């Protein structure tokens, strides 16, 4: 009887831990990479990082499409912050992006 209780306890503990592990992983994802930068769209990296600077959309664009704005900010980030590991796009309008380097 004592063995059965111990086995039941360990089985319940194992199931509880795996349930907790599954629920905490819902917020994790694989991040896309483009032109050597990890791209965070309206999200934040989990790992520690330092902010190198911000790139802003300036001037006129031909179409104002999201793809054109994205490419403009990517080019500017590559030029201004070549040592950056990732870019964080905080707003959906793609007016600016933050360039970061992981610690």
Protein backbone atom coordinates (compact mmCIF):
# COMPACT_ATOMS: atom_id res chain seq x y z
CA UNK A 1 0.00 0.00 0.00
CA UNK A 2 2.86 2.36 0.88
CA UNK A 3 4.54 1.63 -2.48
CA UNK A 4 1.34 2.46 -4.34
CA UNK A 5 1.05 5.79 -2.53
CA UNK A 6 4.67 6.68 -3.36
CA UNK A 7 4.23 5.74 -7.03
CA UNK A 8 0.99 7.74 -7.20
CA UNK A 9 2.68 10.75 -5.59
CA UNK A 10 5.57 10.71 -8.07
CA UNK A 11 3.24 10.23 -11.03
CA UNK A 12 1.08 13.15 -9.91
CA UNK A 13 4.18 15.31 -9.34
CA UNK A 14 5.52 14.47 -12.79
CA UNK A 15 2.19 15.32 -14.47
CA UNK A 16 1.93 18.59 -12.53
CA UNK A 17 5.43 19.66 -13.53
CA UNK A 18 4.84 18.83 -17.20
CA UNK A 19 1.54 20.75 -17.15
CA UNK A 20 3.27 23.80 -15.67
CA UNK A 21 6.10 23.52 -18.22
CA UNK A 22 3.60 23.39 -21.09
CA UNK A 23 1.68 26.44 -19.90
CA UNK A 24 4.81 28.58 -19.46
CA UNK A 25 6.04 27.77 -22.98
CA UNK A 26 2.97 29.28 -24.64
CA UNK A 27 4.66 32.67 -24.68
CA UNK A 28 7.79 31.45 -26.44
CA UNK A 29 8.30 31.37 -30.19
CA UNK A 30 10.91 30.99 -32.90
CA UNK A 31 11.86 34.40 -34.27
CA UNK A 32 12.25 35.07 -37.99
CA UNK A 33 15.57 36.33 -39.29
CA UNK A 34 16.13 38.66 -42.21
CA UNK A 35 19.39 40.12 -43.49
CA UNK A 36 21.22 38.90 -40.39
CA UNK A 37 18.81 40.48 -37.90
CA UNK A 38 16.34 38.68 -35.66
CA UNK A 39 12.97 40.37 -36.16
CA UNK A 40 10.64 41.06 -33.23
CA UNK A 41 7.25 42.42 -34.33
CA UNK A 42 5.26 43.87 -31.43
CA UNK A 43 7.11 41.53 -29.05
CA UNK A 44 10.14 41.59 -26.77
CA UNK A 45 13.08 39.18 -26.55
CA UNK A 46 13.29 37.03 -23.44
CA UNK A 47 17.10 37.20 -23.28
CA UNK A 48 18.88 40.22 -21.84
CA UNK A 49 19.93 42.86 -24.34
CA UNK A 50 21.24 46.39 -24.63
CA UNK A 51 19.65 49.04 -26.81
CA UNK A 52 22.02 50.39 -29.46
CA UNK A 53 19.63 52.99 -30.83
CA UNK A 54 16.49 53.69 -32.80
CA UNK A 55 15.94 54.05 -36.52
CA UNK A 56 13.04 56.18 -37.74
CA UNK A 57 11.15 56.44 -40.96
CA UNK A 58 12.07 59.75 -42.54
CA UNK A 59 11.32 61.20 -45.93
CA UNK A 60 8.79 60.06 -48.46
CA UNK A 61 8.02 56.56 -49.65
CA UNK A 62 6.61 55.54 -53.02
CA UNK A 63 3.70 53.45 -51.87
CA UNK A 64 3.80 53.59 -48.08
CA UNK A 65 3.19 49.84 -48.04
CA UNK A 66 4.25 47.90 -44.93
CA UNK A 67 6.84 46.00 -46.97
CA UNK A 68 8.41 49.23 -48.24
CA UNK A 69 8.50 50.75 -44.74
CA UNK A 70 9.94 47.53 -43.31
CA UNK A 71 12.69 47.41 -45.96
CA UNK A 72 13.51 51.10 -45.42
CA UNK A 73 13.96 50.58 -41.68
CA UNK A 74 16.00 47.43 -42.26
CA UNK A 75 18.40 49.27 -44.58
CA UNK A 76 18.73 52.12 -42.12
CA UNK A 77 19.38 49.70 -39.24
CA UNK A 78 22.03 47.84 -41.21
CA UNK A 79 23.76 51.15 -42.03
CA UNK A 80 23.49 52.83 -38.60
CA UNK A 81 23.90 49.78 -36.33
CA UNK A 82 25.83 47.04 -38.17
CA UNK A 83 26.67 45.25 -34.89
CA UNK A 84 23.00 44.85 -33.92
CA UNK A 85 21.70 41.32 -33.38
CA UNK A 86 18.01 42.11 -33.62
CA UNK A 87 15.42 44.73 -34.42
CA UNK A 88 12.27 45.36 -32.40
CA UNK A 89 9.32 46.87 -34.28
CA UNK A 90 7.07 48.19 -31.52
CA UNK A 91 4.33 49.85 -33.53
CA UNK A 92 2.22 48.48 -36.34
CA UNK A 93 2.70 51.65 -38.42
CA UNK A 94 6.43 50.84 -38.81
CA UNK A 95 7.45 54.41 -38.04
CA UNK A 96 10.46 53.37 -35.98
CA UNK A 97 12.41 50.36 -34.76
CA UNK A 98 14.83 49.71 -31.93
CA UNK A 99 18.17 48.05 -32.70
CA UNK A 100 19.54 45.79 -29.96
CA UNK A 101 22.55 43.62 -29.14
CA UNK A 102 22.20 40.57 -26.89
CA UNK A 103 24.41 40.36 -23.79
